[in-house]
mmCIF file of all heavy atoms, coordinates in Angstrom:
data_MODEL
# 
_entry.id   MODEL 
# 
loop_
_atom_site.group_PDB 
_atom_site.id 
_atom_site.type_symbol 
_atom_site.label_atom_id 
_atom_site.label_alt_id 
_atom_site.label_comp_id 
_atom_site.label_asym_id 
_atom_site.label_entity_id 
_atom_site.label_seq_id 
_atom_site.pdbx_PDB_ins_code 
_atom_site.Cartn_x 
_atom_site.Cartn_y 
_atom_site.Cartn_z 
_atom_site.occupancy 
_atom_site.B_iso_or_equiv 
_atom_site.pdbx_formal_charge 
_atom_site.auth_seq_id 
_atom_site.auth_comp_id 
_atom_site.auth_asym_id 
_atom_site.auth_atom_id 
_atom_site.pdbx_PDB_model_num 
ATOM 1   N N   . ILE A 1 1  ? -0.521  8.363  -17.791 1.00 0.00 ? 1  ILE A N   1 
ATOM 2   C CA  . ILE A 1 1  ? -1.234  7.356  -18.567 1.00 0.00 ? 1  ILE A CA  1 
ATOM 3   C C   . ILE A 1 1  ? -2.715  7.479  -18.236 1.00 0.00 ? 1  ILE A C   1 
ATOM 4   O O   . ILE A 1 1  ? -3.086  7.573  -17.067 1.00 0.00 ? 1  ILE A O   1 
ATOM 5   C CB  . ILE A 1 1  ? -0.735  5.932  -18.228 1.00 0.00 ? 1  ILE A CB  1 
ATOM 6   C CG1 . ILE A 1 1  ? 0.759   5.798  -18.548 1.00 0.00 ? 1  ILE A CG1 1 
ATOM 7   C CG2 . ILE A 1 1  ? -1.556  4.878  -18.961 1.00 0.00 ? 1  ILE A CG2 1 
ATOM 8   C CD1 . ILE A 1 1  ? 1.380   4.525  -18.014 1.00 0.00 ? 1  ILE A CD1 1 
ATOM 9   N N   . THR A 1 2  ? -3.547  7.515  -19.260 1.00 0.00 ? 2  THR A N   1 
ATOM 10  C CA  . THR A 1 2  ? -4.992  7.574  -19.056 1.00 0.00 ? 2  THR A CA  1 
ATOM 11  C C   . THR A 1 2  ? -5.597  6.248  -19.486 1.00 0.00 ? 2  THR A C   1 
ATOM 12  O O   . THR A 1 2  ? -5.356  5.777  -20.591 1.00 0.00 ? 2  THR A O   1 
ATOM 13  C CB  . THR A 1 2  ? -5.618  8.725  -19.869 1.00 0.00 ? 2  THR A CB  1 
ATOM 14  O OG1 . THR A 1 2  ? -5.018  9.952  -19.452 1.00 0.00 ? 2  THR A OG1 1 
ATOM 15  C CG2 . THR A 1 2  ? -7.119  8.794  -19.660 1.00 0.00 ? 2  THR A CG2 1 
ATOM 16  N N   . LEU A 1 3  ? -6.341  5.652  -18.576 1.00 0.00 ? 3  LEU A N   1 
ATOM 17  C CA  . LEU A 1 3  ? -7.028  4.393  -18.850 1.00 0.00 ? 3  LEU A CA  1 
ATOM 18  C C   . LEU A 1 3  ? -8.524  4.648  -18.805 1.00 0.00 ? 3  LEU A C   1 
ATOM 19  O O   . LEU A 1 3  ? -9.004  5.416  -17.976 1.00 0.00 ? 3  LEU A O   1 
ATOM 20  C CB  . LEU A 1 3  ? -6.657  3.348  -17.792 1.00 0.00 ? 3  LEU A CB  1 
ATOM 21  C CG  . LEU A 1 3  ? -5.167  3.092  -17.586 1.00 0.00 ? 3  LEU A CG  1 
ATOM 22  C CD1 . LEU A 1 3  ? -4.942  2.252  -16.349 1.00 0.00 ? 3  LEU A CD1 1 
ATOM 23  C CD2 . LEU A 1 3  ? -4.592  2.418  -18.810 1.00 0.00 ? 3  LEU A CD2 1 
ATOM 24  N N   . ARG A 1 4  ? -9.256  4.021  -19.688 1.00 0.00 ? 4  ARG A N   1 
ATOM 25  C CA  . ARG A 1 4  ? -10.710 4.169  -19.712 1.00 0.00 ? 4  ARG A CA  1 
ATOM 26  C C   . ARG A 1 4  ? -11.353 2.792  -19.719 1.00 0.00 ? 4  ARG A C   1 
ATOM 27  O O   . ARG A 1 4  ? -10.844 1.870  -20.341 1.00 0.00 ? 4  ARG A O   1 
ATOM 28  C CB  . ARG A 1 4  ? -11.144 4.926  -20.971 1.00 0.00 ? 4  ARG A CB  1 
ATOM 29  C CG  . ARG A 1 4  ? -10.621 6.341  -21.014 1.00 0.00 ? 4  ARG A CG  1 
ATOM 30  C CD  . ARG A 1 4  ? -10.981 7.020  -22.336 1.00 0.00 ? 4  ARG A CD  1 
ATOM 31  N NE  . ARG A 1 4  ? -10.314 8.279  -22.480 1.00 0.00 ? 4  ARG A NE  1 
ATOM 32  C CZ  . ARG A 1 4  ? -10.737 9.435  -21.982 1.00 0.00 ? 4  ARG A CZ  1 
ATOM 33  N NH1 . ARG A 1 4  ? -11.852 9.466  -21.298 1.00 0.00 ? 4  ARG A NH1 1 
ATOM 34  N NH2 . ARG A 1 4  ? -10.064 10.555 -22.167 1.00 0.00 ? 4  ARG A NH2 1 
ATOM 35  N N   . HIS A 1 5  ? -12.445 2.700  -18.997 1.00 0.00 ? 5  HIS A N   1 
ATOM 36  C CA  . HIS A 1 5  ? -13.242 1.485  -19.041 1.00 0.00 ? 5  HIS A CA  1 
ATOM 37  C C   . HIS A 1 5  ? -14.669 1.832  -18.630 1.00 0.00 ? 5  HIS A C   1 
ATOM 38  O O   . HIS A 1 5  ? -14.950 2.953  -18.210 1.00 0.00 ? 5  HIS A O   1 
ATOM 39  C CB  . HIS A 1 5  ? -12.635 0.382  -18.170 1.00 0.00 ? 5  HIS A CB  1 
ATOM 40  C CG  . HIS A 1 5  ? -12.788 0.579  -16.704 1.00 0.00 ? 5  HIS A CG  1 
ATOM 41  N ND1 . HIS A 1 5  ? -12.029 1.468  -15.983 1.00 0.00 ? 5  HIS A ND1 1 
ATOM 42  C CD2 . HIS A 1 5  ? -13.634 0.004  -15.812 1.00 0.00 ? 5  HIS A CD2 1 
ATOM 43  C CE1 . HIS A 1 5  ? -12.395 1.430  -14.714 1.00 0.00 ? 5  HIS A CE1 1 
ATOM 44  N NE2 . HIS A 1 5  ? -13.369 0.556  -14.579 1.00 0.00 ? 5  HIS A NE2 1 
ATOM 45  N N   . GLU A 1 6  ? -15.548 0.882  -18.785 1.00 0.00 ? 6  GLU A N   1 
ATOM 46  C CA  . GLU A 1 6  ? -16.951 1.073  -18.424 1.00 0.00 ? 6  GLU A CA  1 
ATOM 47  C C   . GLU A 1 6  ? -17.369 -0.020 -17.449 1.00 0.00 ? 6  GLU A C   1 
ATOM 48  O O   . GLU A 1 6  ? -16.909 -1.149 -17.544 1.00 0.00 ? 6  GLU A O   1 
ATOM 49  C CB  . GLU A 1 6  ? -17.846 1.013  -19.663 1.00 0.00 ? 6  GLU A CB  1 
ATOM 50  C CG  . GLU A 1 6  ? -17.615 2.156  -20.623 1.00 0.00 ? 6  GLU A CG  1 
ATOM 51  C CD  . GLU A 1 6  ? -18.495 2.064  -21.859 1.00 0.00 ? 6  GLU A CD  1 
ATOM 52  O OE1 . GLU A 1 6  ? -19.022 0.968  -22.161 1.00 0.00 ? 6  GLU A OE1 1 
ATOM 53  O OE2 . GLU A 1 6  ? -18.656 3.089  -22.520 1.00 0.00 ? 6  GLU A OE2 1 
ATOM 54  N N   . VAL A 1 7  ? -18.246 0.364  -16.540 1.00 0.00 ? 7  VAL A N   1 
ATOM 55  C CA  . VAL A 1 7  ? -18.808 -0.584 -15.581 1.00 0.00 ? 7  VAL A CA  1 
ATOM 56  C C   . VAL A 1 7  ? -20.319 -0.575 -15.773 1.00 0.00 ? 7  VAL A C   1 
ATOM 57  O O   . VAL A 1 7  ? -20.946 0.485  -15.684 1.00 0.00 ? 7  VAL A O   1 
ATOM 58  C CB  . VAL A 1 7  ? -18.456 -0.186 -14.133 1.00 0.00 ? 7  VAL A CB  1 
ATOM 59  C CG1 . VAL A 1 7  ? -19.134 -1.105 -13.135 1.00 0.00 ? 7  VAL A CG1 1 
ATOM 60  C CG2 . VAL A 1 7  ? -16.945 -0.185 -13.927 1.00 0.00 ? 7  VAL A CG2 1 
ATOM 61  N N   . PRO A 1 8  ? -20.923 -1.724 -16.070 1.00 0.00 ? 8  PRO A N   1 
ATOM 62  C CA  . PRO A 1 8  ? -22.378 -1.748 -16.212 1.00 0.00 ? 8  PRO A CA  1 
ATOM 63  C C   . PRO A 1 8  ? -23.042 -1.633 -14.838 1.00 0.00 ? 8  PRO A C   1 
ATOM 64  O O   . PRO A 1 8  ? -22.652 -2.319 -13.890 1.00 0.00 ? 8  PRO A O   1 
ATOM 65  C CB  . PRO A 1 8  ? -22.668 -3.102 -16.860 1.00 0.00 ? 8  PRO A CB  1 
ATOM 66  C CG  . PRO A 1 8  ? -21.465 -3.930 -16.594 1.00 0.00 ? 8  PRO A CG  1 
ATOM 67  C CD  . PRO A 1 8  ? -20.317 -3.011 -16.366 1.00 0.00 ? 8  PRO A CD  1 
ATOM 68  N N   . MET A 1 9  ? -24.020 -0.730 -14.735 1.00 0.00 ? 9  MET A N   1 
ATOM 69  C CA  . MET A 1 9  ? -24.764 -0.531 -13.481 1.00 0.00 ? 9  MET A CA  1 
ATOM 70  C C   . MET A 1 9  ? -26.228 -0.300 -13.799 1.00 0.00 ? 9  MET A C   1 
ATOM 71  O O   . MET A 1 9  ? -26.553 0.288  -14.821 1.00 0.00 ? 9  MET A O   1 
ATOM 72  C CB  . MET A 1 9  ? -24.256 0.711  -12.739 1.00 0.00 ? 9  MET A CB  1 
ATOM 73  C CG  . MET A 1 9  ? -22.879 0.623  -12.187 1.00 0.00 ? 9  MET A CG  1 
ATOM 74  S SD  . MET A 1 9  ? -22.517 2.122  -11.233 1.00 0.00 ? 9  MET A SD  1 
ATOM 75  C CE  . MET A 1 9  ? -20.749 1.976  -11.120 1.00 0.00 ? 9  MET A CE  1 
ATOM 76  N N   . THR A 1 10 ? -27.071 -0.728 -12.884 1.00 0.00 ? 10 THR A N   1 
ATOM 77  C CA  . THR A 1 10 ? -28.480 -0.355 -12.970 1.00 0.00 ? 10 THR A CA  1 
ATOM 78  C C   . THR A 1 10 ? -28.614 1.038  -12.353 1.00 0.00 ? 10 THR A C   1 
ATOM 79  O O   . THR A 1 10 ? -27.675 1.549  -11.716 1.00 0.00 ? 10 THR A O   1 
ATOM 80  C CB  . THR A 1 10 ? -29.369 -1.338 -12.183 1.00 0.00 ? 10 THR A CB  1 
ATOM 81  O OG1 . THR A 1 10 ? -29.018 -1.250 -10.804 1.00 0.00 ? 10 THR A OG1 1 
ATOM 82  C CG2 . THR A 1 10 ? -29.224 -2.772 -12.699 1.00 0.00 ? 10 THR A CG2 1 
ATOM 83  N N   . ALA A 1 11 ? -29.773 1.650  -12.502 1.00 0.00 ? 11 ALA A N   1 
ATOM 84  C CA  . ALA A 1 11 ? -30.001 2.975  -11.915 1.00 0.00 ? 11 ALA A CA  1 
ATOM 85  C C   . ALA A 1 11 ? -29.799 2.931  -10.399 1.00 0.00 ? 11 ALA A C   1 
ATOM 86  O O   . ALA A 1 11 ? -29.187 3.829  -9.822  1.00 0.00 ? 11 ALA A O   1 
ATOM 87  C CB  . ALA A 1 11 ? -31.400 3.469  -12.263 1.00 0.00 ? 11 ALA A CB  1 
ATOM 88  N N   . GLY A 1 12 ? -30.280 1.881  -9.766  1.00 0.00 ? 12 GLY A N   1 
ATOM 89  C CA  . GLY A 1 12 ? -30.111 1.751  -8.318  1.00 0.00 ? 12 GLY A CA  1 
ATOM 90  C C   . GLY A 1 12 ? -28.651 1.614  -7.912  1.00 0.00 ? 12 GLY A C   1 
ATOM 91  O O   . GLY A 1 12 ? -28.219 2.196  -6.915  1.00 0.00 ? 12 GLY A O   1 
ATOM 92  N N   . GLU A 1 13 ? -27.902 0.838  -8.675  1.00 0.00 ? 13 GLU A N   1 
ATOM 93  C CA  . GLU A 1 13 ? -26.469 0.686  -8.381  1.00 0.00 ? 13 GLU A CA  1 
ATOM 94  C C   . GLU A 1 13 ? -25.731 2.008  -8.582  1.00 0.00 ? 13 GLU A C   1 
ATOM 95  O O   . GLU A 1 13 ? -24.854 2.374  -7.791  1.00 0.00 ? 13 GLU A O   1 
ATOM 96  C CB  . GLU A 1 13 ? -25.862 -0.403 -9.258  1.00 0.00 ? 13 GLU A CB  1 
ATOM 97  C CG  . GLU A 1 13 ? -26.346 -1.790 -8.904  1.00 0.00 ? 13 GLU A CG  1 
ATOM 98  C CD  . GLU A 1 13 ? -25.993 -2.836 -9.943  1.00 0.00 ? 13 GLU A CD  1 
ATOM 99  O OE1 . GLU A 1 13 ? -25.788 -2.494 -11.136 1.00 0.00 ? 13 GLU A OE1 1 
ATOM 100 O OE2 . GLU A 1 13 ? -25.948 -4.029 -9.559  1.00 0.00 ? 13 GLU A OE2 1 
ATOM 101 N N   . PHE A 1 14 ? -26.096 2.731  -9.643  1.00 0.00 ? 14 PHE A N   1 
ATOM 102 C CA  . PHE A 1 14 ? -25.466 4.025  -9.894  1.00 0.00 ? 14 PHE A CA  1 
ATOM 103 C C   . PHE A 1 14 ? -25.776 4.992  -8.752  1.00 0.00 ? 14 PHE A C   1 
ATOM 104 O O   . PHE A 1 14 ? -24.898 5.683  -8.244  1.00 0.00 ? 14 PHE A O   1 
ATOM 105 C CB  . PHE A 1 14 ? -25.940 4.600  -11.230 1.00 0.00 ? 14 PHE A CB  1 
ATOM 106 C CG  . PHE A 1 14 ? -25.287 5.900  -11.580 1.00 0.00 ? 14 PHE A CG  1 
ATOM 107 C CD1 . PHE A 1 14 ? -23.985 5.935  -12.040 1.00 0.00 ? 14 PHE A CD1 1 
ATOM 108 C CD2 . PHE A 1 14 ? -25.968 7.099  -11.439 1.00 0.00 ? 14 PHE A CD2 1 
ATOM 109 C CE1 . PHE A 1 14 ? -23.362 7.134  -12.359 1.00 0.00 ? 14 PHE A CE1 1 
ATOM 110 C CE2 . PHE A 1 14 ? -25.369 8.307  -11.760 1.00 0.00 ? 14 PHE A CE2 1 
ATOM 111 C CZ  . PHE A 1 14 ? -24.056 8.323  -12.212 1.00 0.00 ? 14 PHE A CZ  1 
ATOM 112 N N   . MET A 1 15 ? -27.025 5.028  -8.336  1.00 0.00 ? 15 MET A N   1 
ATOM 113 C CA  . MET A 1 15 ? -27.436 5.893  -7.226  1.00 0.00 ? 15 MET A CA  1 
ATOM 114 C C   . MET A 1 15 ? -26.627 5.535  -5.975  1.00 0.00 ? 15 MET A C   1 
ATOM 115 O O   . MET A 1 15 ? -26.129 6.415  -5.276  1.00 0.00 ? 15 MET A O   1 
ATOM 116 C CB  . MET A 1 15 ? -28.929 5.725  -6.970  1.00 0.00 ? 15 MET A CB  1 
ATOM 117 C CG  . MET A 1 15 ? -29.477 6.622  -5.905  1.00 0.00 ? 15 MET A CG  1 
ATOM 118 S SD  . MET A 1 15 ? -29.900 8.277  -6.458  1.00 0.00 ? 15 MET A SD  1 
ATOM 119 C CE  . MET A 1 15 ? -31.337 7.941  -7.456  1.00 0.00 ? 15 MET A CE  1 
ATOM 120 N N   . GLY A 1 16 ? -26.482 4.259  -5.700  1.00 0.00 ? 16 GLY A N   1 
ATOM 121 C CA  . GLY A 1 16 ? -25.698 3.825  -4.549  1.00 0.00 ? 16 GLY A CA  1 
ATOM 122 C C   . GLY A 1 16 ? -24.250 4.265  -4.645  1.00 0.00 ? 16 GLY A C   1 
ATOM 123 O O   . GLY A 1 16 ? -23.660 4.707  -3.660  1.00 0.00 ? 16 GLY A O   1 
ATOM 124 N N   . MET A 1 17 ? -23.668 4.169  -5.829  1.00 0.00 ? 17 MET A N   1 
ATOM 125 C CA  . MET A 1 17 ? -22.286 4.578  -6.032  1.00 0.00 ? 17 MET A CA  1 
ATOM 126 C C   . MET A 1 17 ? -22.120 6.069  -5.770  1.00 0.00 ? 17 MET A C   1 
ATOM 127 O O   . MET A 1 17 ? -21.169 6.499  -5.115  1.00 0.00 ? 17 MET A O   1 
ATOM 128 C CB  . MET A 1 17 ? -21.855 4.219  -7.462  1.00 0.00 ? 17 MET A CB  1 
ATOM 129 C CG  . MET A 1 17 ? -20.400 4.505  -7.787  1.00 0.00 ? 17 MET A CG  1 
ATOM 130 S SD  . MET A 1 17 ? -20.050 6.133  -8.505  1.00 0.00 ? 17 MET A SD  1 
ATOM 131 C CE  . MET A 1 17 ? -21.187 6.271  -9.854  1.00 0.00 ? 17 MET A CE  1 
ATOM 132 N N   . VAL A 1 18 ? -23.065 6.880  -6.254  1.00 0.00 ? 18 VAL A N   1 
ATOM 133 C CA  . VAL A 1 18 ? -22.983 8.329  -6.059  1.00 0.00 ? 18 VAL A CA  1 
ATOM 134 C C   . VAL A 1 18 ? -22.925 8.666  -4.576  1.00 0.00 ? 18 VAL A C   1 
ATOM 135 O O   . VAL A 1 18 ? -22.148 9.524  -4.144  1.00 0.00 ? 18 VAL A O   1 
ATOM 136 C CB  . VAL A 1 18 ? -24.187 9.039  -6.732  1.00 0.00 ? 18 VAL A CB  1 
ATOM 137 C CG1 . VAL A 1 18 ? -24.280 10.499 -6.303  1.00 0.00 ? 18 VAL A CG1 1 
ATOM 138 C CG2 . VAL A 1 18 ? -24.085 8.921  -8.251  1.00 0.00 ? 18 VAL A CG2 1 
ATOM 139 N N   . PHE A 1 19 ? -23.700 7.945  -3.785  1.00 0.00 ? 19 PHE A N   1 
ATOM 140 C CA  . PHE A 1 19 ? -23.785 8.267  -2.369  1.00 0.00 ? 19 PHE A CA  1 
ATOM 141 C C   . PHE A 1 19 ? -22.655 7.668  -1.536  1.00 0.00 ? 19 PHE A C   1 
ATOM 142 O O   . PHE A 1 19 ? -22.651 7.791  -0.309  1.00 0.00 ? 19 PHE A O   1 
ATOM 143 C CB  . PHE A 1 19 ? -25.170 7.892  -1.825  1.00 0.00 ? 19 PHE A CB  1 
ATOM 144 C CG  . PHE A 1 19 ? -26.193 8.931  -2.188  1.00 0.00 ? 19 PHE A CG  1 
ATOM 145 C CD1 . PHE A 1 19 ? -26.793 8.913  -3.435  1.00 0.00 ? 19 PHE A CD1 1 
ATOM 146 C CD2 . PHE A 1 19 ? -26.507 9.955  -1.314  1.00 0.00 ? 19 PHE A CD2 1 
ATOM 147 C CE1 . PHE A 1 19 ? -27.705 9.894  -3.807  1.00 0.00 ? 19 PHE A CE1 1 
ATOM 148 C CE2 . PHE A 1 19 ? -27.410 10.943 -1.670  1.00 0.00 ? 19 PHE A CE2 1 
ATOM 149 C CZ  . PHE A 1 19 ? -28.016 10.913 -2.914  1.00 0.00 ? 19 PHE A CZ  1 
ATOM 150 N N   . THR A 1 20 ? -21.659 7.061  -2.178  1.00 0.00 ? 20 THR A N   1 
ATOM 151 C CA  . THR A 1 20 ? -20.455 6.639  -1.458  1.00 0.00 ? 20 THR A CA  1 
ATOM 152 C C   . THR A 1 20 ? -19.396 7.730  -1.476  1.00 0.00 ? 20 THR A C   1 
ATOM 153 O O   . THR A 1 20 ? -18.448 7.676  -0.704  1.00 0.00 ? 20 THR A O   1 
ATOM 154 C CB  . THR A 1 20 ? -19.836 5.355  -2.062  1.00 0.00 ? 20 THR A CB  1 
ATOM 155 O OG1 . THR A 1 20 ? -19.376 5.627  -3.385  1.00 0.00 ? 20 THR A OG1 1 
ATOM 156 C CG2 . THR A 1 20 ? -20.818 4.199  -2.041  1.00 0.00 ? 20 THR A CG2 1 
ATOM 157 N N   . ALA A 1 21 ? -19.536 8.724  -2.341  1.00 0.00 ? 21 ALA A N   1 
ATOM 158 C CA  . ALA A 1 21 ? -18.547 9.801  -2.442  1.00 0.00 ? 21 ALA A CA  1 
ATOM 159 C C   . ALA A 1 21 ? -18.592 10.679 -1.197  1.00 0.00 ? 21 ALA A C   1 
ATOM 160 O O   . ALA A 1 21 ? -19.664 11.043 -0.716  1.00 0.00 ? 21 ALA A O   1 
ATOM 161 C CB  . ALA A 1 21 ? -18.814 10.642 -3.690  1.00 0.00 ? 21 ALA A CB  1 
ATOM 162 N N   . SER A 1 22 ? -17.424 11.050 -0.679  1.00 0.00 ? 22 SER A N   1 
ATOM 163 C CA  . SER A 1 22 ? -17.372 11.853 0.538   1.00 0.00 ? 22 SER A CA  1 
ATOM 164 C C   . SER A 1 22 ? -18.040 13.201 0.378   1.00 0.00 ? 22 SER A C   1 
ATOM 165 O O   . SER A 1 22 ? -18.631 13.721 1.320   1.00 0.00 ? 22 SER A O   1 
ATOM 166 C CB  . SER A 1 22 ? -15.920 12.044 0.986   1.00 0.00 ? 22 SER A CB  1 
ATOM 167 O OG  . SER A 1 22 ? -15.185 12.736 0.000   1.00 0.00 ? 22 SER A OG  1 
ATOM 168 N N   . TYR A 1 23 ? -17.975 13.789 -0.818  1.00 0.00 ? 23 TYR A N   1 
ATOM 169 C CA  . TYR A 1 23 ? -18.601 15.096 -1.014  1.00 0.00 ? 23 TYR A CA  1 
ATOM 170 C C   . TYR A 1 23 ? -20.122 15.004 -1.068  1.00 0.00 ? 23 TYR A C   1 
ATOM 171 O O   . TYR A 1 23 ? -20.811 16.014 -1.109  1.00 0.00 ? 23 TYR A O   1 
ATOM 172 C CB  . TYR A 1 23 ? -18.059 15.813 -2.256  1.00 0.00 ? 23 TYR A CB  1 
ATOM 173 C CG  . TYR A 1 23 ? -18.059 15.000 -3.525  1.00 0.00 ? 23 TYR A CG  1 
ATOM 174 C CD1 . TYR A 1 23 ? -19.200 14.867 -4.301  1.00 0.00 ? 23 TYR A CD1 1 
ATOM 175 C CD2 . TYR A 1 23 ? -16.902 14.361 -3.941  1.00 0.00 ? 23 TYR A CD2 1 
ATOM 176 C CE1 . TYR A 1 23 ? -19.194 14.107 -5.463  1.00 0.00 ? 23 TYR A CE1 1 
ATOM 177 C CE2 . TYR A 1 23 ? -16.883 13.613 -5.109  1.00 0.00 ? 23 TYR A CE2 1 
ATOM 178 C CZ  . TYR A 1 23 ? -18.033 13.495 -5.857  1.00 0.00 ? 23 TYR A CZ  1 
ATOM 179 O OH  . TYR A 1 23 ? -18.024 12.744 -7.004  1.00 0.00 ? 23 TYR A OH  1 
ATOM 180 N N   . VAL A 1 24 ? -20.653 13.789 -1.042  1.00 0.00 ? 24 VAL A N   1 
ATOM 181 C CA  . VAL A 1 24 ? -22.104 13.583 -0.936  1.00 0.00 ? 24 VAL A CA  1 
ATOM 182 C C   . VAL A 1 24 ? -22.422 13.039 0.453   1.00 0.00 ? 24 VAL A C   1 
ATOM 183 O O   . VAL A 1 24 ? -23.169 13.645 1.221   1.00 0.00 ? 24 VAL A O   1 
ATOM 184 C CB  . VAL A 1 24 ? -22.619 12.620 -2.023  1.00 0.00 ? 24 VAL A CB  1 
ATOM 185 C CG1 . VAL A 1 24 ? -24.077 12.256 -1.787  1.00 0.00 ? 24 VAL A CG1 1 
ATOM 186 C CG2 . VAL A 1 24 ? -22.431 13.218 -3.408  1.00 0.00 ? 24 VAL A CG2 1 
ATOM 187 N N   . ARG A 1 25 ? -21.855 11.892 0.784   1.00 0.00 ? 25 ARG A N   1 
ATOM 188 C CA  . ARG A 1 25 ? -22.177 11.180 2.027   1.00 0.00 ? 25 ARG A CA  1 
ATOM 189 C C   . ARG A 1 25 ? -21.826 11.996 3.263   1.00 0.00 ? 25 ARG A C   1 
ATOM 190 O O   . ARG A 1 25 ? -22.648 12.131 4.172   1.00 0.00 ? 25 ARG A O   1 
ATOM 191 C CB  . ARG A 1 25 ? -21.438 9.840  2.048   1.00 0.00 ? 25 ARG A CB  1 
ATOM 192 C CG  . ARG A 1 25 ? -21.679 8.991  3.269   1.00 0.00 ? 25 ARG A CG  1 
ATOM 193 C CD  . ARG A 1 25 ? -20.884 7.687  3.220   1.00 0.00 ? 25 ARG A CD  1 
ATOM 194 N NE  . ARG A 1 25 ? -19.593 7.759  2.571   1.00 0.00 ? 25 ARG A NE  1 
ATOM 195 C CZ  . ARG A 1 25 ? -18.474 8.210  3.127   1.00 0.00 ? 25 ARG A CZ  1 
ATOM 196 N NH1 . ARG A 1 25 ? -18.483 8.640  4.362   1.00 0.00 ? 25 ARG A NH1 1 
ATOM 197 N NH2 . ARG A 1 25 ? -17.345 8.222  2.465   1.00 0.00 ? 25 ARG A NH2 1 
ATOM 198 N N   . ALA A 1 26 ? -20.634 12.556 3.323   1.00 0.00 ? 26 ALA A N   1 
ATOM 199 C CA  . ALA A 1 26 ? -20.185 13.233 4.539   1.00 0.00 ? 26 ALA A CA  1 
ATOM 200 C C   . ALA A 1 26 ? -20.444 14.739 4.527   1.00 0.00 ? 26 ALA A C   1 
ATOM 201 O O   . ALA A 1 26 ? -20.579 15.341 5.584   1.00 0.00 ? 26 ALA A O   1 
ATOM 202 C CB  . ALA A 1 26 ? -18.696 12.974 4.750   1.00 0.00 ? 26 ALA A CB  1 
ATOM 203 N N   . ALA A 1 27 ? -20.509 15.331 3.350   1.00 0.00 ? 27 ALA A N   1 
ATOM 204 C CA  . ALA A 1 27 ? -20.586 16.791 3.283   1.00 0.00 ? 27 ALA A CA  1 
ATOM 205 C C   . ALA A 1 27 ? -22.001 17.336 3.191   1.00 0.00 ? 27 ALA A C   1 
ATOM 206 O O   . ALA A 1 27 ? -22.231 18.500 3.510   1.00 0.00 ? 27 ALA A O   1 
ATOM 207 C CB  . ALA A 1 27 ? -19.758 17.298 2.103   1.00 0.00 ? 27 ALA A CB  1 
ATOM 208 N N   . LEU A 1 28 ? -22.947 16.523 2.738   1.00 0.00 ? 28 LEU A N   1 
ATOM 209 C CA  . LEU A 1 28 ? -24.306 17.021 2.563   1.00 0.00 ? 28 LEU A CA  1 
ATOM 210 C C   . LEU A 1 28 ? -25.188 16.619 3.744   1.00 0.00 ? 28 LEU A C   1 
ATOM 211 O O   . LEU A 1 28 ? -25.079 15.508 4.259   1.00 0.00 ? 28 LEU A O   1 
ATOM 212 C CB  . LEU A 1 28 ? -24.919 16.492 1.268   1.00 0.00 ? 28 LEU A CB  1 
ATOM 213 C CG  . LEU A 1 28 ? -24.213 16.859 -0.035  1.00 0.00 ? 28 LEU A CG  1 
ATOM 214 C CD1 . LEU A 1 28 ? -24.985 16.297 -1.221  1.00 0.00 ? 28 LEU A CD1 1 
ATOM 215 C CD2 . LEU A 1 28 ? -24.023 18.359 -0.169  1.00 0.00 ? 28 LEU A CD2 1 
ATOM 216 N N   . THR A 1 29 ? -26.059 17.510 4.133   1.00 0.00 ? 29 THR A N   1 
ATOM 217 C CA  . THR A 1 29 ? -27.029 17.202 5.190   1.00 0.00 ? 29 THR A CA  1 
ATOM 218 C C   . THR A 1 29 ? -28.022 16.169 4.658   1.00 0.00 ? 29 THR A C   1 
ATOM 219 O O   . THR A 1 29 ? -28.144 15.977 3.440   1.00 0.00 ? 29 THR A O   1 
ATOM 220 C CB  . THR A 1 29 ? -27.797 18.468 5.605   1.00 0.00 ? 29 THR A CB  1 
ATOM 221 O OG1 . THR A 1 29 ? -28.614 18.885 4.502   1.00 0.00 ? 29 THR A OG1 1 
ATOM 222 C CG2 . THR A 1 29 ? -26.861 19.583 6.037   1.00 0.00 ? 29 THR A CG2 1 
# 
């Protein structure tokens, strides 16, 4: 089953979300 939705974010909130991903936060210097 595929579900789709949208979450409203400001640029700052989006930037913060990106940096919670392990392939960014833990893997990048």
